[in-house]
Amino acid sequence: MILDFEPGDKVINPVNKDWGIGQVQSIIKEKVTVNFENVGKKVINVKNIELEKIG
């Protein structure tokens, strides 16, 4: 699986849209750390949750 994210990318979690827009902080294997505007920093396992890149 190739991840199409880089630090600084803006993303949303389509399952939890109320988290707001997030900015990718780091990527380590399948774990992406994202700082969301409404809930703060979350570590997302992209095997379980598919983030959508925006803008």
PDB file of N, CA and C in Angstrom:
ATOM      1  N   MET A   1       0.844  -1.185   0.000  1.00  0.00           N
ATOM      2  CA  MET A   1       0.000   0.000   0.000  1.00  0.00           C
ATOM      3  C   MET A   1       0.886   1.244   0.000  1.00  0.00           C
ATOM      4  N   ILE A   2       0.634   2.122  -0.934  1.00  0.00           N
ATOM      5  CA  ILE A   2       1.394   3.375  -1.025  1.00  0.00           C
ATOM      6  C   ILE A   2       0.494   4.504  -0.553  1.00  0.00           C
ATOM      7  N   LEU A   3       0.978   5.247   0.418  1.00  0.00           N
ATOM      8  CA  LEU A   3       0.200   6.365   0.945  1.00  0.00           C
ATOM      9  C   LEU A   3       0.511   7.618   0.145  1.00  0.00           C
ATOM     10  N   ASP A   4      -0.532   8.335  -0.194  1.00  0.00           N
ATOM     11  CA  ASP A   4      -0.380   9.544  -0.991  1.00  0.00           C
ATOM     12  C   ASP A   4      -0.472  10.784  -0.101  1.00  0.00           C
ATOM     13  N   PHE A   5       0.188  10.732   1.054  1.00  0.00           N
ATOM     14  CA  PHE A   5       0.167  11.856   1.981  1.00  0.00           C
ATOM     15  C   PHE A   5       1.581  12.312   2.267  1.00  0.00           C
ATOM     16  N   GLU A   6       1.702  13.611   2.523  1.00  0.00           N
ATOM     17  CA  GLU A   6       2.964  14.187   2.960  1.00  0.00           C
ATOM     18  C   GLU A   6       2.664  15.115   4.124  1.00  0.00           C
ATOM     19  N   PRO A   7       3.623  15.334   5.017  1.00  0.00           N
ATOM     20  CA  PRO A   7       3.397  16.308   6.082  1.00  0.00           C
ATOM     21  C   PRO A   7       2.977  17.656   5.485  1.00  0.00           C
ATOM     22  N   GLY A   8       1.968  18.239   6.093  1.00  0.00           N
ATOM     23  CA  GLY A   8       1.442  19.510   5.615  1.00  0.00           C
ATOM     24  C   GLY A   8       0.174  19.372   4.788  1.00  0.00           C
ATOM     25  N   ASP A   9      -0.108  18.159   4.283  1.00  0.00           N
ATOM     26  CA  ASP A   9      -1.333  17.945   3.506  1.00  0.00           C
ATOM     27  C   ASP A   9      -2.557  18.151   4.384  1.00  0.00           C
ATOM     28  N   LYS A  10      -3.611  18.680   3.790  1.00  0.00           N
ATOM     29  CA  LYS A  10      -4.890  18.857   4.478  1.00  0.00           C
ATOM     30  C   LYS A  10      -5.773  17.653   4.161  1.00  0.00           C
ATOM     31  N   VAL A  11      -6.401  17.097   5.207  1.00  0.00           N
ATOM     32  CA  VAL A  11      -7.219  15.899   5.051  1.00  0.00           C
ATOM     33  C   VAL A  11      -8.490  16.023   5.896  1.00  0.00           C
ATOM     34  N   ILE A  12      -9.464  15.169   5.576  1.00  0.00           N
ATOM     35  CA  ILE A  12     -10.619  14.989   6.446  1.00  0.00           C
ATOM     36  C   ILE A  12     -10.787  13.499   6.709  1.00  0.00           C
ATOM     37  N   ASN A  13     -11.435  13.196   7.825  1.00  0.00           N
ATOM     38  CA  ASN A  13     -11.806  11.821   8.124  1.00  0.00           C
ATOM     39  C   ASN A  13     -13.272  11.698   7.744  1.00  0.00           C
ATOM     40  N   PRO A  14     -13.581  11.014   6.635  1.00  0.00           N
ATOM     41  CA  PRO A  14     -14.967  10.955   6.165  1.00  0.00           C
ATOM     42  C   PRO A  14     -15.920  10.282   7.152  1.00  0.00           C
ATOM     43  N   VAL A  15     -15.394   9.465   8.066  1.00  0.00           N
ATOM     44  CA  VAL A  15     -16.233   8.804   9.060  1.00  0.00           C
ATOM     45  C   VAL A  15     -16.596   9.771  10.193  1.00  0.00           C
ATOM     46  N   ASN A  16     -15.694  10.715  10.487  1.00  0.00           N
ATOM     47  CA  ASN A  16     -15.898  11.694  11.562  1.00  0.00           C
ATOM     48  C   ASN A  16     -15.684  13.100  11.015  1.00  0.00           C
ATOM     49  N   LYS A  17     -16.575  13.548  10.141  1.00  0.00           N
ATOM     50  CA  LYS A  17     -16.403  14.859   9.508  1.00  0.00           C
ATOM     51  C   LYS A  17     -16.432  15.995  10.515  1.00  0.00           C
ATOM     52  N   ASP A  18     -17.068  15.767  11.679  1.00  0.00           N
ATOM     53  CA  ASP A  18     -17.118  16.814  12.693  1.00  0.00           C
ATOM     54  C   ASP A  18     -15.748  17.084  13.333  1.00  0.00           C
ATOM     55  N   TRP A  19     -14.752  16.250  13.048  1.00  0.00           N
ATOM     56  CA  TRP A  19     -13.398  16.530  13.516  1.00  0.00           C
ATOM     57  C   TRP A  19     -12.833  17.757  12.821  1.00  0.00           C
ATOM     58  N   GLY A  20     -13.389  18.097  11.664  1.00  0.00           N
ATOM     59  CA  GLY A  20     -12.910  19.241  10.900  1.00  0.00           C
ATOM     60  C   GLY A  20     -11.745  18.867  10.003  1.00  0.00           C
ATOM     61  N   ILE A  21     -11.117  19.902   9.490  1.00  0.00           N
ATOM     62  CA  ILE A  21      -9.972  19.708   8.595  1.00  0.00           C
ATOM     63  C   ILE A  21      -8.742  19.426   9.440  1.00  0.00           C
ATOM     64  N   GLY A  22      -7.981  18.449   8.975  1.00  0.00           N
ATOM     65  CA  GLY A  22      -6.749  18.099   9.677  1.00  0.00           C
ATOM     66  C   GLY A  22      -5.533  18.341   8.807  1.00  0.00           C
ATOM     67  N   GLN A  23      -4.396  18.549   9.469  1.00  0.00           N
ATOM     68  CA  GLN A  23      -3.132  18.704   8.748  1.00  0.00           C
ATOM     69  C   GLN A  23      -2.218  17.560   9.147  1.00  0.00           C
ATOM     70  N   VAL A  24      -1.707  16.855   8.135  1.00  0.00           N
ATOM     71  CA  VAL A  24      -0.812  15.722   8.379  1.00  0.00           C
ATOM     72  C   VAL A  24       0.466  16.237   9.032  1.00  0.00           C
ATOM     73  N   GLN A  25       0.826  15.619  10.159  1.00  0.00           N
ATOM     74  CA  GLN A  25       2.038  15.986  10.893  1.00  0.00           C
ATOM     75  C   GLN A  25       3.193  15.048  10.558  1.00  0.00           C
ATOM     76  N   SER A  26       2.897  13.736  10.577  1.00  0.00           N
ATOM     77  CA  SER A  26       3.945  12.759  10.286  1.00  0.00           C
ATOM     78  C   SER A  26       3.320  11.465   9.793  1.00  0.00           C
ATOM     79  N   ILE A  27       4.142  10.669   9.126  1.00  0.00           N
ATOM     80  CA  ILE A  27       3.706   9.384   8.600  1.00  0.00           C
ATOM     81  C   ILE A  27       4.775   8.353   8.957  1.00  0.00           C
ATOM     82  N   ILE A  28       4.366   7.327   9.702  1.00  0.00           N
ATOM     83  CA  ILE A  28       5.279   6.239  10.048  1.00  0.00           C
ATOM     84  C   ILE A  28       4.566   4.939   9.706  1.00  0.00           C
ATOM     85  N   LYS A  29       5.044   4.287   8.652  1.00  0.00           N
ATOM     86  CA  LYS A  29       4.403   3.084   8.103  1.00  0.00           C
ATOM     87  C   LYS A  29       2.955   3.394   7.799  1.00  0.00           C
ATOM     88  N   GLU A  30       1.992   2.659   8.404  1.00  0.00           N
ATOM     89  CA  GLU A  30       0.582   2.918   8.076  1.00  0.00           C
ATOM     90  C   GLU A  30      -0.082   3.868   9.072  1.00  0.00           C
ATOM     91  N   LYS A  31       0.705   4.449   9.977  1.00  0.00           N
ATOM     92  CA  LYS A  31       0.141   5.370  10.971  1.00  0.00           C
ATOM     93  C   LYS A  31       0.431   6.820  10.573  1.00  0.00           C
ATOM     94  N   VAL A  32      -0.654   7.583  10.448  1.00  0.00           N
ATOM     95  CA  VAL A  32      -0.548   8.986  10.061  1.00  0.00           C
ATOM     96  C   VAL A  32      -1.006   9.834  11.245  1.00  0.00           C
ATOM     97  N   THR A  33      -0.142  10.734  11.707  1.00  0.00           N
ATOM     98  CA  THR A  33      -0.518  11.656  12.774  1.00  0.00           C
ATOM     99  C   THR A  33      -1.084  12.910  12.133  1.00  0.00           C
ATOM    100  N   VAL A  34      -2.316  13.251  12.538  1.00  0.00           N
ATOM    101  CA  VAL A  34      -3.025  14.381  11.952  1.00  0.00           C
ATOM    102  C   VAL A  34      -3.492  15.289  13.073  1.00  0.00           C
ATOM    103  N   ASN A  35      -3.303  16.596  12.902  1.00  0.00           N
ATOM    104  CA  ASN A  35      -3.790  17.579  13.860  1.00  0.00           C
ATOM    105  C   ASN A  35      -5.101  18.145  13.313  1.00  0.00           C
ATOM    106  N   PHE A  36      -6.231  17.736  13.906  1.00  0.00           N
ATOM    107  CA  PHE A  36      -7.546  18.172  13.451  1.00  0.00           C
ATOM    108  C   PHE A  36      -7.962  19.441  14.180  1.00  0.00           C
ATOM    109  N   GLU A  37      -8.690  20.330  13.467  1.00  0.00           N
ATOM    110  CA  GLU A  37      -9.046  21.622  14.044  1.00  0.00           C
ATOM    111  C   GLU A  37     -10.004  21.510  15.227  1.00  0.00           C
ATOM    112  N   ASN A  38     -10.852  20.478  15.278  1.00  0.00           N
ATOM    113  CA  ASN A  38     -11.847  20.386  16.346  1.00  0.00           C
ATOM    114  C   ASN A  38     -11.509  19.404  17.460  1.00  0.00           C
ATOM    115  N   VAL A  39     -10.618  18.447  17.195  1.00  0.00           N
ATOM    116  CA  VAL A  39     -10.332  17.421  18.210  1.00  0.00           C
ATOM    117  C   VAL A  39      -8.843  17.264  18.510  1.00  0.00           C
ATOM    118  N   GLY A  40      -8.012  18.082  17.881  1.00  0.00           N
ATOM    119  CA  GLY A  40      -6.588  18.010  18.158  1.00  0.00           C
ATOM    120  C   GLY A  40      -5.893  16.878  17.421  1.00  0.00           C
ATOM    121  N   LYS A  41      -4.804  16.426  18.016  1.00  0.00           N
ATOM    122  CA  LYS A  41      -3.935  15.459  17.349  1.00  0.00           C
ATOM    123  C   LYS A  41      -4.467  14.039  17.495  1.00  0.00           C
ATOM    124  N   LYS A  42      -4.532  13.330  16.366  1.00  0.00           N
ATOM    125  CA  LYS A  42      -4.971  11.933  16.355  1.00  0.00           C
ATOM    126  C   LYS A  42      -3.979  11.129  15.527  1.00  0.00           C
ATOM    127  N   VAL A  43      -3.731   9.887  15.967  1.00  0.00           N
ATOM    128  CA  VAL A  43      -2.923   8.962  15.184  1.00  0.00           C
ATOM    129  C   VAL A  43      -3.907   8.027  14.486  1.00  0.00           C
ATOM    130  N   ILE A  44      -3.897   8.059  13.158  1.00  0.00           N
ATOM    131  CA  ILE A  44      -4.835   7.302  12.350  1.00  0.00           C
ATOM    132  C   ILE A  44      -4.107   6.126  11.712  1.00  0.00           C
ATOM    133  N   ASN A  45      -4.656   4.929  11.896  1.00  0.00           N
ATOM    134  CA  ASN A  45      -4.139   3.765  11.184  1.00  0.00           C
ATOM    135  C   ASN A  45      -4.889   3.698   9.857  1.00  0.00           C
ATOM    136  N   VAL A  46      -4.197   3.974   8.767  1.00  0.00           N
ATOM    137  CA  VAL A  46      -4.875   4.072   7.475  1.00  0.00           C
ATOM    138  C   VAL A  46      -5.322   2.710   6.936  1.00  0.00           C
ATOM    139  N   LYS A  47      -4.971   1.637   7.626  1.00  0.00           N
ATOM    140  CA  LYS A  47      -5.551   0.333   7.267  1.00  0.00           C
ATOM    141  C   LYS A  47      -7.005   0.277   7.727  1.00  0.00           C
ATOM    142  N   ASN A  48      -7.350   1.038   8.776  1.00  0.00           N
ATOM    143  CA  ASN A  48      -8.688   1.006   9.353  1.00  0.00           C
ATOM    144  C   ASN A  48      -9.544   2.202   8.938  1.00  0.00           C
ATOM    145  N   ILE A  49      -8.928   3.365   8.767  1.00  0.00           N
ATOM    146  CA  ILE A  49      -9.656   4.585   8.426  1.00  0.00           C
ATOM    147  C   ILE A  49      -9.013   5.193   7.194  1.00  0.00           C
ATOM    148  N   GLU A  50      -9.818   5.433   6.178  1.00  0.00           N
ATOM    149  CA  GLU A  50      -9.301   6.010   4.948  1.00  0.00           C
ATOM    150  C   GLU A  50      -9.493   7.520   4.973  1.00  0.00           C
ATOM    151  N   LEU A  51      -8.397   8.250   5.080  1.00  0.00           N
ATOM    152  CA  LEU A  51      -8.466   9.711   5.053  1.00  0.00           C
ATOM    153  C   LEU A  51      -8.648  10.198   3.631  1.00  0.00           C
ATOM    154  N   GLU A  52      -9.306  11.342   3.489  1.00  0.00           N
ATOM    155  CA  GLU A  52      -9.471  11.961   2.175  1.00  0.00           C
ATOM    156  C   GLU A  52      -8.655  13.240   2.129  1.00  0.00           C
ATOM    157  N   LYS A  53      -7.810  13.333   1.122  1.00  0.00           N
ATOM    158  CA  LYS A  53      -7.003  14.536   0.920  1.00  0.00           C
ATOM    159  C   LYS A  53      -7.898  15.628   0.321  1.00  0.00           C
ATOM    160  N   ILE A  54      -7.737  16.857   0.784  1.00  0.00           N
ATOM    161  CA  ILE A  54      -8.523  17.969   0.243  1.00  0.00           C
ATOM    162  C   ILE A  54      -7.595  19.073  -0.232  1.00  0.00           C
ATOM    163  N   GLY A  55      -8.146  19.910  -1.096  1.00  0.00           N
ATOM    164  CA  GLY A  55      -7.419  21.084  -1.582  1.00  0.00           C
ATOM    165  C   GLY A  55      -6.154  20.732  -2.251  1.00  0.00           C
TER     166      GLY A  55
END
